[in-house]
């Protein structure tokens, strides 16, 4: 399992990302860095096709060309793409979210590799929803070890610091 950020704090840090994208994909995600080293991601994304969608933190908070300018997956330790529970994974590899028949995904993720403070902070980076399922690096496709072969970027938002009050 991933190690927690080296920053020790009793202060809870909060962030938010407003998701926008193609075909009315939209939503809001709240990020909460907990004192135990985990960051919790919760929220809702609508306008998705039913089923699995790759869900990642990308390296850049640049949306000047929509979600296509958010760069590669956030990968400060230069590892291959993988499962969120694997040792071999990008820090930004958060697996898949599931959209129901109504096109809504209720997001609930806990992870230690996406801190809101410290050397590998995700503040100012982008969270991206993909058109297809993430194969978690096991699909055998030429893109499996870099992107999880998750397809087009259909929604994204910049992760920004939120008031703690």
C-alpha atoms as a PDB file:
ATOM      1  CA  UNK A   1       0.000   0.000   0.000  1.00  0.00           C
ATOM      2  CA  UNK A   2       1.095   3.552  -0.559  1.00  0.00           C
ATOM      3  CA  UNK A   3       2.806   5.528   2.151  1.00  0.00           C
ATOM      4  CA  UNK A   4       1.306   8.643   3.638  1.00  0.00           C
ATOM      5  CA  UNK A   5       2.615  12.130   3.009  1.00  0.00           C
ATOM      6  CA  UNK A   6       5.516  13.101   5.237  1.00  0.00           C
ATOM      7  CA  UNK A   7       3.583  16.177   6.340  1.00  0.00           C
ATOM      8  CA  UNK A   8       2.077  15.632   9.776  1.00  0.00           C
ATOM      9  CA  UNK A   9      -0.762  17.911  10.678  1.00  0.00           C
ATOM     10  CA  UNK A  10      -3.841  17.973  12.844  1.00  0.00           C
ATOM     11  CA  UNK A  11      -5.411  20.556  10.553  1.00  0.00           C
ATOM     12  CA  UNK A  12      -7.927  19.195   8.092  1.00  0.00           C
ATOM     13  CA  UNK A  13      -7.304  20.528   4.588  1.00  0.00           C
ATOM     14  CA  UNK A  14     -10.210  20.786   2.148  1.00  0.00           C
ATOM     15  CA  UNK A  15     -10.298  21.204  -1.618  1.00  0.00           C
ATOM     16  CA  UNK A  16     -12.909  21.154  -4.354  1.00  0.00           C
ATOM     17  CA  UNK A  17     -13.049  20.416  -8.073  1.00  0.00           C
ATOM     18  CA  UNK A  18     -15.941  21.433 -10.308  1.00  0.00           C
ATOM     19  CA  UNK A  19     -16.191  18.925 -13.161  1.00  0.00           C
ATOM     20  CA  UNK A  20     -17.153  20.022 -16.667  1.00  0.00           C
ATOM     21  CA  UNK A  21     -16.836  18.241 -19.952  1.00  0.00           C
ATOM     22  CA  UNK A  22     -18.323  16.879 -23.127  1.00  0.00           C
ATOM     23  CA  UNK A  23     -22.000  15.951 -23.546  1.00  0.00           C
ATOM     24  CA  UNK A  24     -23.181  17.639 -20.341  1.00  0.00           C
ATOM     25  CA  UNK A  25     -20.737  15.784 -18.072  1.00  0.00           C
ATOM     26  CA  UNK A  26     -20.620  17.821 -14.867  1.00  0.00           C
ATOM     27  CA  UNK A  27     -20.239  17.454 -11.154  1.00  0.00           C
ATOM     28  CA  UNK A  28     -18.538  18.506  -7.982  1.00  0.00           C
ATOM     29  CA  UNK A  29     -15.955  16.672  -5.891  1.00  0.00           C
ATOM     30  CA  UNK A  30     -14.821  17.470  -2.362  1.00  0.00           C
ATOM     31  CA  UNK A  31     -11.336  16.468  -1.192  1.00  0.00           C
ATOM     32  CA  UNK A  32     -10.553  16.145   2.500  1.00  0.00           C
ATOM     33  CA  UNK A  33      -7.035  15.414   3.771  1.00  0.00           C
ATOM     34  CA  UNK A  34      -7.390  13.505   7.015  1.00  0.00           C
ATOM     35  CA  UNK A  35      -4.842  13.463   9.863  1.00  0.00           C
ATOM     36  CA  UNK A  36      -4.253   9.701   9.292  1.00  0.00           C
ATOM     37  CA  UNK A  37      -2.632  10.389   5.890  1.00  0.00           C
ATOM     38  CA  UNK A  38      -5.634   9.481   3.753  1.00  0.00           C
ATOM     39  CA  UNK A  39      -7.359  11.898   1.412  1.00  0.00           C
ATOM     40  CA  UNK A  40     -11.074  11.338   0.978  1.00  0.00           C
ATOM     41  CA  UNK A  41     -12.750  12.206  -2.340  1.00  0.00           C
ATOM     42  CA  UNK A  42     -16.560  12.442  -2.377  1.00  0.00           C
ATOM     43  CA  UNK A  43     -19.081  13.846  -4.773  1.00  0.00           C
ATOM     44  CA  UNK A  44     -21.310  13.273  -7.749  1.00  0.00           C
ATOM     45  CA  UNK A  45     -20.722  13.339 -11.506  1.00  0.00           C
ATOM     46  CA  UNK A  46     -23.650  13.373 -13.938  1.00  0.00           C
ATOM     47  CA  UNK A  47     -24.067  13.018 -17.699  1.00  0.00           C
ATOM     48  CA  UNK A  48     -22.021   9.809 -17.967  1.00  0.00           C
ATOM     49  CA  UNK A  49     -22.856   6.699 -19.951  1.00  0.00           C
ATOM     50  CA  UNK A  50     -23.805   3.821 -17.619  1.00  0.00           C
ATOM     51  CA  UNK A  51     -20.882   1.659 -16.492  1.00  0.00           C
ATOM     52  CA  UNK A  52     -17.239   2.030 -15.497  1.00  0.00           C
ATOM     53  CA  UNK A  53     -15.169   5.143 -16.183  1.00  0.00           C
ATOM     54  CA  UNK A  54     -11.447   5.615 -15.514  1.00  0.00           C
ATOM     55  CA  UNK A  55     -10.871   8.174 -12.756  1.00  0.00           C
ATOM     56  CA  UNK A  56      -7.451   9.804 -12.319  1.00  0.00           C
ATOM     57  CA  UNK A  57      -5.521  12.780 -11.027  1.00  0.00           C
ATOM     58  CA  UNK A  58      -3.589  14.311 -13.941  1.00  0.00           C
ATOM     59  CA  UNK A  59      -0.336  16.234 -13.578  1.00  0.00           C
ATOM     60  CA  UNK A  60      -1.497  19.660 -14.753  1.00  0.00           C
ATOM     61  CA  UNK A  61      -4.291  22.004 -13.760  1.00  0.00           C
ATOM     62  CA  UNK A  62      -4.389  23.380 -17.299  1.00  0.00           C
ATOM     63  CA  UNK A  63      -7.784  23.272 -19.024  1.00  0.00           C
ATOM     64  CA  UNK A  64      -7.023  25.776 -21.810  1.00  0.00           C
ATOM     65  CA  UNK A  65      -7.726  22.993 -24.337  1.00  0.00           C
ATOM     66  CA  UNK A  66     -10.402  21.330 -22.237  1.00  0.00           C
ATOM     67  CA  UNK A  67      -9.421  18.107 -20.506  1.00  0.00           C
ATOM     68  CA  UNK A  68      -6.814  17.349 -23.193  1.00  0.00           C
ATOM     69  CA  UNK A  69      -4.347  19.861 -21.716  1.00  0.00           C
ATOM     70  CA  UNK A  70      -4.253  18.305 -18.220  1.00  0.00           C
ATOM     71  CA  UNK A  71      -1.134  16.295 -19.059  1.00  0.00           C
ATOM     72  CA  UNK A  72      -0.426  12.673 -18.125  1.00  0.00           C
ATOM     73  CA  UNK A  73      -1.485  10.940 -14.920  1.00  0.00           C
ATOM     74  CA  UNK A  74       0.128  12.432 -11.810  1.00  0.00           C
ATOM     75  CA  UNK A  75       3.170  10.175 -11.370  1.00  0.00           C
ATOM     76  CA  UNK A  76       5.889  11.764  -9.200  1.00  0.00           C
ATOM     77  CA  UNK A  77       7.544   8.398  -8.472  1.00  0.00           C
ATOM     78  CA  UNK A  78       7.776   7.400 -12.177  1.00  0.00           C
ATOM     79  CA  UNK A  79       5.929   4.080 -11.881  1.00  0.00           C
ATOM     80  CA  UNK A  80       3.797   2.139 -14.367  1.00  0.00           C
ATOM     81  CA  UNK A  81       0.023   2.546 -14.391  1.00  0.00           C
ATOM     82  CA  UNK A  82      -1.773   0.187 -12.042  1.00  0.00           C
ATOM     83  CA  UNK A  83      -4.514  -0.667  -9.616  1.00  0.00           C
ATOM     84  CA  UNK A  84      -5.095   1.840  -6.774  1.00  0.00           C
ATOM     85  CA  UNK A  85      -4.287  -0.913  -4.251  1.00  0.00           C
ATOM     86  CA  UNK A  86      -1.048  -1.942  -5.969  1.00  0.00           C
ATOM     87  CA  UNK A  87       2.513  -0.905  -5.080  1.00  0.00           C
ATOM     88  CA  UNK A  88       3.166  -0.345  -8.810  1.00  0.00           C
ATOM     89  CA  UNK A  89       0.878   2.539  -9.761  1.00  0.00           C
ATOM     90  CA  UNK A  90       0.841   6.225 -10.553  1.00  0.00           C
ATOM     91  CA  UNK A  91      -0.083   8.354  -7.544  1.00  0.00           C
ATOM     92  CA  UNK A  92      -3.019   9.604  -9.625  1.00  0.00           C
ATOM     93  CA  UNK A  93      -4.392   6.137 -10.429  1.00  0.00           C
ATOM     94  CA  UNK A  94      -7.747   6.037  -8.651  1.00  0.00           C
ATOM     95  CA  UNK A  95      -9.299   3.166 -10.618  1.00  0.00           C
ATOM     96  CA  UNK A  96     -12.871   3.406 -11.871  1.00  0.00           C
ATOM     97  CA  UNK A  97     -16.068   5.112 -10.874  1.00  0.00           C
ATOM     98  CA  UNK A  98     -19.421   3.525 -11.721  1.00  0.00           C
ATOM     99  CA  UNK A  99     -22.261   5.429 -13.369  1.00  0.00           C
ATOM    100  CA  UNK A 100     -25.695   3.941 -12.847  1.00  0.00           C
ATOM    101  CA  UNK A 101     -28.406   3.603 -15.516  1.00  0.00           C
ATOM    102  CA  UNK A 102     -29.260   7.276 -14.888  1.00  0.00           C
ATOM    103  CA  UNK A 103     -25.712   8.363 -15.843  1.00  0.00           C
ATOM    104  CA  UNK A 104     -24.834   9.441 -12.299  1.00  0.00           C
ATOM    105  CA  UNK A 105     -21.700   8.312 -10.474  1.00  0.00           C
ATOM    106  CA  UNK A 106     -21.562   8.723  -6.698  1.00  0.00           C
ATOM    107  CA  UNK A 107     -17.839   9.061  -6.005  1.00  0.00           C
ATOM    108  CA  UNK A 108     -16.274   7.859  -2.759  1.00  0.00           C
ATOM    109  CA  UNK A 109     -12.510   7.235  -2.732  1.00  0.00           C
ATOM    110  CA  UNK A 110      -9.914   7.050   0.057  1.00  0.00           C
ATOM    111  CA  UNK A 111      -6.241   7.130  -0.918  1.00  0.00           C
ATOM    112  CA  UNK A 112      -2.849   7.912   0.625  1.00  0.00           C
ATOM    113  CA  UNK A 113      -1.046   9.012  -2.560  1.00  0.00           C
ATOM    114  CA  UNK A 114      -3.102  12.141  -3.279  1.00  0.00           C
ATOM    115  CA  UNK A 115      -2.317  14.534  -0.386  1.00  0.00           C
ATOM    116  CA  UNK A 116      -3.472  18.147  -0.337  1.00  0.00           C
ATOM    117  CA  UNK A 117      -0.187  19.289   1.218  1.00  0.00           C
ATOM    118  CA  UNK A 118       3.494  18.445   1.055  1.00  0.00           C
ATOM    119  CA  UNK A 119       5.867  17.594  -1.762  1.00  0.00           C
ATOM    120  CA  UNK A 120       3.353  15.531  -3.778  1.00  0.00           C
ATOM    121  CA  UNK A 121       0.279  17.706  -3.242  1.00  0.00           C
ATOM    122  CA  UNK A 122      -2.494  17.427  -5.833  1.00  0.00           C
ATOM    123  CA  UNK A 123      -3.648  21.032  -5.313  1.00  0.00           C
ATOM    124  CA  UNK A 124      -3.658  22.844  -8.643  1.00  0.00           C
ATOM    125  CA  UNK A 125      -3.719  19.580 -10.603  1.00  0.00           C
ATOM    126  CA  UNK A 126      -6.758  18.177 -12.433  1.00  0.00           C
ATOM    127  CA  UNK A 127      -9.097  15.297 -11.732  1.00  0.00           C
ATOM    128  CA  UNK A 128     -10.222  13.598 -14.959  1.00  0.00           C
ATOM    129  CA  UNK A 129     -13.074  11.227 -15.841  1.00  0.00           C
ATOM    130  CA  UNK A 130     -12.529   9.015 -18.878  1.00  0.00           C
ATOM    131  CA  UNK A 131     -14.990   7.563 -21.398  1.00  0.00           C
ATOM    132  CA  UNK A 132     -13.978   3.941 -20.879  1.00  0.00           C
ATOM    133  CA  UNK A 133     -13.082   1.628 -17.995  1.00  0.00           C
ATOM    134  CA  UNK A 134      -9.529   1.693 -16.648  1.00  0.00           C
ATOM    135  CA  UNK A 135      -8.003  -1.772 -17.158  1.00  0.00           C
ATOM    136  CA  UNK A 136      -5.761  -1.134 -14.105  1.00  0.00           C
ATOM    137  CA  UNK A 137      -2.623  -1.848 -16.130  1.00  0.00           C
ATOM    138  CA  UNK A 138      -3.640  -5.457 -16.770  1.00  0.00           C
ATOM    139  CA  UNK A 139      -5.386  -5.222 -20.141  1.00  0.00           C
ATOM    140  CA  UNK A 140      -2.473  -6.121 -22.391  1.00  0.00           C
ATOM    141  CA  UNK A 141      -3.179  -3.103 -24.626  1.00  0.00           C
ATOM    142  CA  UNK A 142      -0.230  -0.895 -25.590  1.00  0.00           C
ATOM    143  CA  UNK A 143      -1.753   1.872 -23.398  1.00  0.00           C
ATOM    144  CA  UNK A 144      -2.437  -0.354 -20.358  1.00  0.00           C
ATOM    145  CA  UNK A 145       0.808   0.524 -18.540  1.00  0.00           C
ATOM    146  CA  UNK A 146       0.498   4.284 -19.167  1.00  0.00           C
ATOM    147  CA  UNK A 147      -3.211   5.198 -19.134  1.00  0.00           C
ATOM    148  CA  UNK A 148      -5.084   2.009 -18.310  1.00  0.00           C
ATOM    149  CA  UNK A 149      -6.513   2.293 -21.833  1.00  0.00           C
ATOM    150  CA  UNK A 150      -9.319   4.388 -20.321  1.00  0.00           C
ATOM    151  CA  UNK A 151     -10.150   6.282 -23.506  1.00  0.00           C
ATOM    152  CA  UNK A 152     -11.073   9.897 -24.086  1.00  0.00           C
ATOM    153  CA  UNK A 153     -11.140  12.521 -21.344  1.00  0.00           C
ATOM    154  CA  UNK A 154     -14.825  13.396 -21.026  1.00  0.00           C
ATOM    155  CA  UNK A 155     -14.830  15.515 -17.870  1.00  0.00           C
ATOM    156  CA  UNK A 156     -12.319  17.307 -15.664  1.00  0.00           C
ATOM    157  CA  UNK A 157     -11.828  19.954 -13.030  1.00  0.00           C
ATOM    158  CA  UNK A 158      -8.961  21.744 -11.326  1.00  0.00           C
ATOM    159  CA  UNK A 159      -8.431  20.830  -7.669  1.00  0.00           C
ATOM    160  CA  UNK A 160      -8.466  24.045  -5.661  1.00  0.00           C
ATOM    161  CA  UNK A 161      -8.047  24.858  -1.988  1.00  0.00           C
ATOM    162  CA  UNK A 162     -11.341  25.364  -0.171  1.00  0.00           C
ATOM    163  CA  UNK A 163     -12.033  27.445   2.917  1.00  0.00           C
ATOM    164  CA  UNK A 164     -11.902  25.396   6.102  1.00  0.00           C
ATOM    165  CA  UNK A 165     -14.836  27.324   7.593  1.00  0.00           C
END
